[in-house]
Amino acid sequence: MFKRENAWVWITAALLAYGLFGCGTAEASMHTEHDPAHAWIRFAYQIEGEMGLPKGLLQSICSTESDWRPNLVGSAGEIGVCQMKPGTLAMFSHDNPKELYDPYYAIYYSGIYLQWISKTLKTRNTDILAAAYNLGPYSGVVKYMLKARSRR
């Protein structure tokens, strides 16, 4: 059962993680032109523009999820810079999940997933999109955030 006190823990954790990295260009300036992450950040901004996502959202998710480490595998099987699960990828592509080790591929499909979340939840709110990316669009926390936002 979903408990309200647990919601605040998850909401606070999601917002703190998202807020620490911000949605701007400060992170991009930390990477030199010779650092591969620099090119991946530029690509993330390009995908955000093409898919109508809030600027800096993909960059923030990659920073938070993996600190731009393309070979990272999470404890729940998430892969690559965006820490996408193979099951999530299967919603949008029949490609081999090992493709998620390619940062460009992972960023592109994470953009598609975020675009789908945005349309499904009918929101462009960066906090809600970041929480939905991490917890799933139908998680209790995301539902609570949407409900709370609608009552303002």
C-alpha atoms as a PDB file:
ATOM      1  CA  MET A   1       0.000   0.000   0.000  1.00  0.00           C
ATOM      2  CA  PHE A   2       1.172   3.507  -0.807  1.00  0.00           C
ATOM      3  CA  LYS A   3       1.956   5.533   2.314  1.00  0.00           C
ATOM      4  CA  ARG A   4       1.997   9.313   2.333  1.00  0.00           C
ATOM      5  CA  GLU A   5       5.096   9.542   4.552  1.00  0.00           C
ATOM      6  CA  ASN A   6       7.018   7.391   2.050  1.00  0.00           C
ATOM      7  CA  ALA A   7       5.924   9.711  -0.755  1.00  0.00           C
ATOM      8  CA  TRP A   8       7.665  12.668   0.835  1.00  0.00           C
ATOM      9  CA  VAL A   9      10.878  10.695   1.184  1.00  0.00           C
ATOM     10  CA  TRP A  10      10.831   9.768  -2.515  1.00  0.00           C
ATOM     11  CA  ILE A  11       9.707  13.209  -3.673  1.00  0.00           C
ATOM     12  CA  THR A  12      12.412  14.883  -1.603  1.00  0.00           C
ATOM     13  CA  ALA A  13      15.076  12.471  -2.879  1.00  0.00           C
ATOM     14  CA  ALA A  14      13.996  12.938  -6.502  1.00  0.00           C
ATOM     15  CA  LEU A  15      13.858  16.720  -6.242  1.00  0.00           C
ATOM     16  CA  LEU A  16      17.159  16.981  -4.398  1.00  0.00           C
ATOM     17  CA  ALA A  17      18.909  14.781  -6.944  1.00  0.00           C
ATOM     18  CA  TYR A  18      17.400  16.754  -9.796  1.00  0.00           C
ATOM     19  CA  GLY A  19      18.022  20.145  -8.166  1.00  0.00           C
ATOM     20  CA  LEU A  20      21.650  19.400  -7.330  1.00  0.00           C
ATOM     21  CA  PHE A  21      22.536  19.067 -10.998  1.00  0.00           C
ATOM     22  CA  GLY A  22      20.177  21.740 -12.271  1.00  0.00           C
ATOM     23  CA  CYS A  23      18.662  22.225 -15.681  1.00  0.00           C
ATOM     24  CA  GLY A  24      21.091  24.544 -17.308  1.00  0.00           C
ATOM     25  CA  THR A  25      24.468  24.748 -18.936  1.00  0.00           C
ATOM     26  CA  ALA A  26      26.635  24.758 -15.803  1.00  0.00           C
ATOM     27  CA  GLU A  27      27.232  21.012 -16.060  1.00  0.00           C
ATOM     28  CA  ALA A  28      28.229  21.334 -19.707  1.00  0.00           C
ATOM     29  CA  SER A  29      30.897  23.863 -18.800  1.00  0.00           C
ATOM     30  CA  MET A  30      32.503  21.345 -16.394  1.00  0.00           C
ATOM     31  CA  HIS A  31      33.462  19.094 -19.300  1.00  0.00           C
ATOM     32  CA  THR A  32      36.297  20.042 -21.619  1.00  0.00           C
ATOM     33  CA  GLU A  33      36.000  19.815 -25.387  1.00  0.00           C
ATOM     34  CA  HIS A  34      38.223  16.717 -25.289  1.00  0.00           C
ATOM     35  CA  ASP A  35      35.987  14.931 -22.780  1.00  0.00           C
ATOM     36  CA  PRO A  36      33.514  12.569 -24.532  1.00  0.00           C
ATOM     37  CA  ALA A  37      30.744  13.748 -22.189  1.00  0.00           C
ATOM     38  CA  HIS A  38      31.033  17.221 -23.735  1.00  0.00           C
ATOM     39  CA  ALA A  39      29.788  15.885 -27.090  1.00  0.00           C
ATOM     40  CA  TRP A  40      27.116  13.780 -25.379  1.00  0.00           C
ATOM     41  CA  ILE A  41      25.813  16.861 -23.543  1.00  0.00           C
ATOM     42  CA  ARG A  42      25.556  18.774 -26.833  1.00  0.00           C
ATOM     43  CA  PHE A  43      23.712  15.804 -28.340  1.00  0.00           C
ATOM     44  CA  ALA A  44      21.329  15.712 -25.345  1.00  0.00           C
ATOM     45  CA  TYR A  45      20.487  19.397 -25.884  1.00  0.00           C
ATOM     46  CA  GLN A  46      19.892  18.705 -29.586  1.00  0.00           C
ATOM     47  CA  ILE A  47      17.520  15.811 -28.794  1.00  0.00           C
ATOM     48  CA  GLU A  48      15.654  17.938 -26.232  1.00  0.00           C
ATOM     49  CA  GLY A  49      15.061  20.563 -28.906  1.00  0.00           C
ATOM     50  CA  GLU A  50      13.939  18.047 -31.512  1.00  0.00           C
ATOM     51  CA  MET A  51      11.568  16.312 -29.107  1.00  0.00           C
ATOM     52  CA  GLY A  52      10.193  19.398 -27.393  1.00  0.00           C
ATOM     53  CA  LEU A  53      11.599  18.532 -23.975  1.00  0.00           C
ATOM     54  CA  PRO A  54      12.572  21.081 -21.311  1.00  0.00           C
ATOM     55  CA  LYS A  55      16.141  22.271 -21.891  1.00  0.00           C
ATOM     56  CA  GLY A  56      18.654  20.546 -19.656  1.00  0.00           C
ATOM     57  CA  LEU A  57      16.371  17.650 -18.652  1.00  0.00           C
ATOM     58  CA  LEU A  58      18.303  14.888 -20.447  1.00  0.00           C
ATOM     59  CA  GLN A  59      21.637  16.328 -19.352  1.00  0.00           C
ATOM     60  CA  SER A  60      20.427  16.401 -15.765  1.00  0.00           C
ATOM     61  CA  ILE A  61      19.123  12.830 -15.924  1.00  0.00           C
ATOM     62  CA  CYS A  62      22.418  11.528 -17.367  1.00  0.00           C
ATOM     63  CA  SER A  63      24.415  13.390 -14.726  1.00  0.00           C
ATOM     64  CA  THR A  64      22.217  12.119 -11.916  1.00  0.00           C
ATOM     65  CA  GLU A  65      21.754   8.549 -13.130  1.00  0.00           C
ATOM     66  CA  SER A  66      25.316   7.683 -14.190  1.00  0.00           C
ATOM     67  CA  ASP A  67      27.585  10.736 -13.966  1.00  0.00           C
ATOM     68  CA  TRP A  68      28.048  10.185 -17.727  1.00  0.00           C
ATOM     69  CA  ARG A  69      29.535   6.679 -17.337  1.00  0.00           C
ATOM     70  CA  PRO A  70      28.464   4.719 -20.456  1.00  0.00           C
ATOM     71  CA  ASN A  71      29.462   1.288 -19.103  1.00  0.00           C
ATOM     72  CA  LEU A  72      27.555   1.594 -15.832  1.00  0.00           C
ATOM     73  CA  VAL A  73      25.070  -1.177 -15.045  1.00  0.00           C
ATOM     74  CA  GLY A  74      22.627  -0.496 -12.211  1.00  0.00           C
ATOM     75  CA  SER A  75      21.489  -2.942  -9.562  1.00  0.00           C
ATOM     76  CA  ALA A  76      18.096  -3.330 -11.285  1.00  0.00           C
ATOM     77  CA  GLY A  77      19.661  -3.910 -14.714  1.00  0.00           C
ATOM     78  CA  GLU A  78      19.687  -0.319 -15.958  1.00  0.00           C
ATOM     79  CA  ILE A  79      22.322   0.302 -18.625  1.00  0.00           C
ATOM     80  CA  GLY A  80      24.469   3.206 -19.792  1.00  0.00           C
ATOM     81  CA  VAL A  81      24.564   6.973 -19.330  1.00  0.00           C
ATOM     82  CA  CYS A  82      20.795   7.260 -18.971  1.00  0.00           C
ATOM     83  CA  GLN A  83      20.395   4.076 -16.895  1.00  0.00           C
ATOM     84  CA  MET A  84      17.497   2.807 -19.006  1.00  0.00           C
ATOM     85  CA  LYS A  85      16.151  -0.682 -18.387  1.00  0.00           C
ATOM     86  CA  PRO A  86      16.015  -3.078 -21.349  1.00  0.00           C
ATOM     87  CA  GLY A  87      12.265  -3.492 -20.752  1.00  0.00           C
ATOM     88  CA  THR A  88      11.749   0.251 -21.134  1.00  0.00           C
ATOM     89  CA  LEU A  89      13.746   0.249 -24.368  1.00  0.00           C
ATOM     90  CA  ALA A  90      11.564  -2.605 -25.658  1.00  0.00           C
ATOM     91  CA  MET A  91       8.544  -0.261 -25.494  1.00  0.00           C
ATOM     92  CA  PHE A  92      10.076   1.806 -28.309  1.00  0.00           C
ATOM     93  CA  SER A  93      12.601  -0.390 -30.126  1.00  0.00           C
ATOM     94  CA  HIS A  94      13.333  -4.022 -30.926  1.00  0.00           C
ATOM     95  CA  ASP A  95      17.069  -3.354 -30.901  1.00  0.00           C
ATOM     96  CA  ASN A  96      19.480  -5.270 -28.721  1.00  0.00           C
ATOM     97  CA  PRO A  97      19.581  -3.746 -25.197  1.00  0.00           C
ATOM     98  CA  LYS A  98      23.392  -3.750 -25.437  1.00  0.00           C
ATOM     99  CA  GLU A  99      22.950  -0.726 -27.707  1.00  0.00           C
ATOM    100  CA  LEU A 100      22.245   1.228 -24.486  1.00  0.00           C
ATOM    101  CA  TYR A 101      26.001   1.205 -23.830  1.00  0.00           C
ATOM    102  CA  ASP A 102      26.282   3.665 -26.749  1.00  0.00           C
ATOM    103  CA  PRO A 103      25.655   7.104 -25.179  1.00  0.00           C
ATOM    104  CA  TYR A 104      24.129   8.544 -28.362  1.00  0.00           C
ATOM    105  CA  TYR A 105      21.700   5.645 -28.636  1.00  0.00           C
ATOM    106  CA  ALA A 106      20.827   5.824 -24.923  1.00  0.00           C
ATOM    107  CA  ILE A 107      20.257   9.593 -25.026  1.00  0.00           C
ATOM    108  CA  TYR A 108      18.083   9.315 -28.132  1.00  0.00           C
ATOM    109  CA  TYR A 109      15.825   6.609 -26.699  1.00  0.00           C
ATOM    110  CA  SER A 110      15.695   8.307 -23.302  1.00  0.00           C
ATOM    111  CA  GLY A 111      14.468  11.390 -25.159  1.00  0.00           C
ATOM    112  CA  ILE A 112      11.772   9.306 -26.847  1.00  0.00           C
ATOM    113  CA  TYR A 113      10.789   7.838 -23.469  1.00  0.00           C
ATOM    114  CA  LEU A 114      10.627  11.296 -21.844  1.00  0.00           C
ATOM    115  CA  GLN A 115       8.563  12.602 -24.754  1.00  0.00           C
ATOM    116  CA  TRP A 116       6.149   9.686 -24.276  1.00  0.00           C
ATOM    117  CA  ILE A 117       5.993  10.351 -20.509  1.00  0.00           C
ATOM    118  CA  SER A 118       5.314  14.053 -21.162  1.00  0.00           C
ATOM    119  CA  LYS A 119       2.459  13.267 -23.558  1.00  0.00           C
ATOM    120  CA  THR A 120       1.036  10.479 -21.388  1.00  0.00           C
ATOM    121  CA  LEU A 121       1.032  12.568 -18.197  1.00  0.00           C
ATOM    122  CA  LYS A 122       0.198  15.802 -20.075  1.00  0.00           C
ATOM    123  CA  THR A 123       2.978  17.749 -18.370  1.00  0.00           C
ATOM    124  CA  ARG A 124       6.269  19.451 -19.175  1.00  0.00           C
ATOM    125  CA  ASN A 125       7.093  19.999 -15.498  1.00  0.00           C
ATOM    126  CA  THR A 126      10.744  19.013 -15.131  1.00  0.00           C
ATOM    127  CA  ASP A 127      10.362  17.711 -11.562  1.00  0.00           C
ATOM    128  CA  ILE A 128       7.497  15.416 -12.537  1.00  0.00           C
ATOM    129  CA  LEU A 129       9.257  14.241 -15.707  1.00  0.00           C
ATOM    130  CA  ALA A 130      12.470  13.479 -13.781  1.00  0.00           C
ATOM    131  CA  ALA A 131      10.556  11.563 -11.098  1.00  0.00           C
ATOM    132  CA  ALA A 132       8.548   9.657 -13.730  1.00  0.00           C
ATOM    133  CA  TYR A 133      11.745   8.757 -15.602  1.00  0.00           C
ATOM    134  CA  ASN A 134      13.326   7.385 -12.442  1.00  0.00           C
ATOM    135  CA  LEU A 135      10.328   5.787 -10.723  1.00  0.00           C
ATOM    136  CA  GLY A 136       8.057   5.038 -13.678  1.00  0.00           C
ATOM    137  CA  PRO A 137       5.200   7.180 -14.980  1.00  0.00           C
ATOM    138  CA  TYR A 138       2.568   5.257 -13.018  1.00  0.00           C
ATOM    139  CA  SER A 139       4.343   5.186  -9.654  1.00  0.00           C
ATOM    140  CA  GLY A 140       2.489   6.379  -6.600  1.00  0.00           C
ATOM    141  CA  VAL A 141       4.913   9.266  -6.122  1.00  0.00           C
ATOM    142  CA  VAL A 142       4.328  10.592  -9.654  1.00  0.00           C
ATOM    143  CA  LYS A 143       0.562  10.255  -9.257  1.00  0.00           C
ATOM    144  CA  TYR A 144       0.808  12.156  -5.974  1.00  0.00           C
ATOM    145  CA  MET A 145       2.920  14.905  -7.557  1.00  0.00           C
ATOM    146  CA  LEU A 146       0.410  15.297 -10.408  1.00  0.00           C
ATOM    147  CA  LYS A 147      -2.500  15.414  -7.976  1.00  0.00           C
ATOM    148  CA  ALA A 148      -0.783  17.962  -5.729  1.00  0.00           C
ATOM    149  CA  ARG A 149       0.127  20.116  -8.725  1.00  0.00           C
ATOM    150  CA  SER A 150      -3.450  20.098 -10.028  1.00  0.00           C
ATOM    151  CA  ARG A 151      -4.749  21.459  -6.718  1.00  0.00           C
ATOM    152  CA  ARG A 152      -2.624  24.609  -6.698  1.00  0.00           C
END
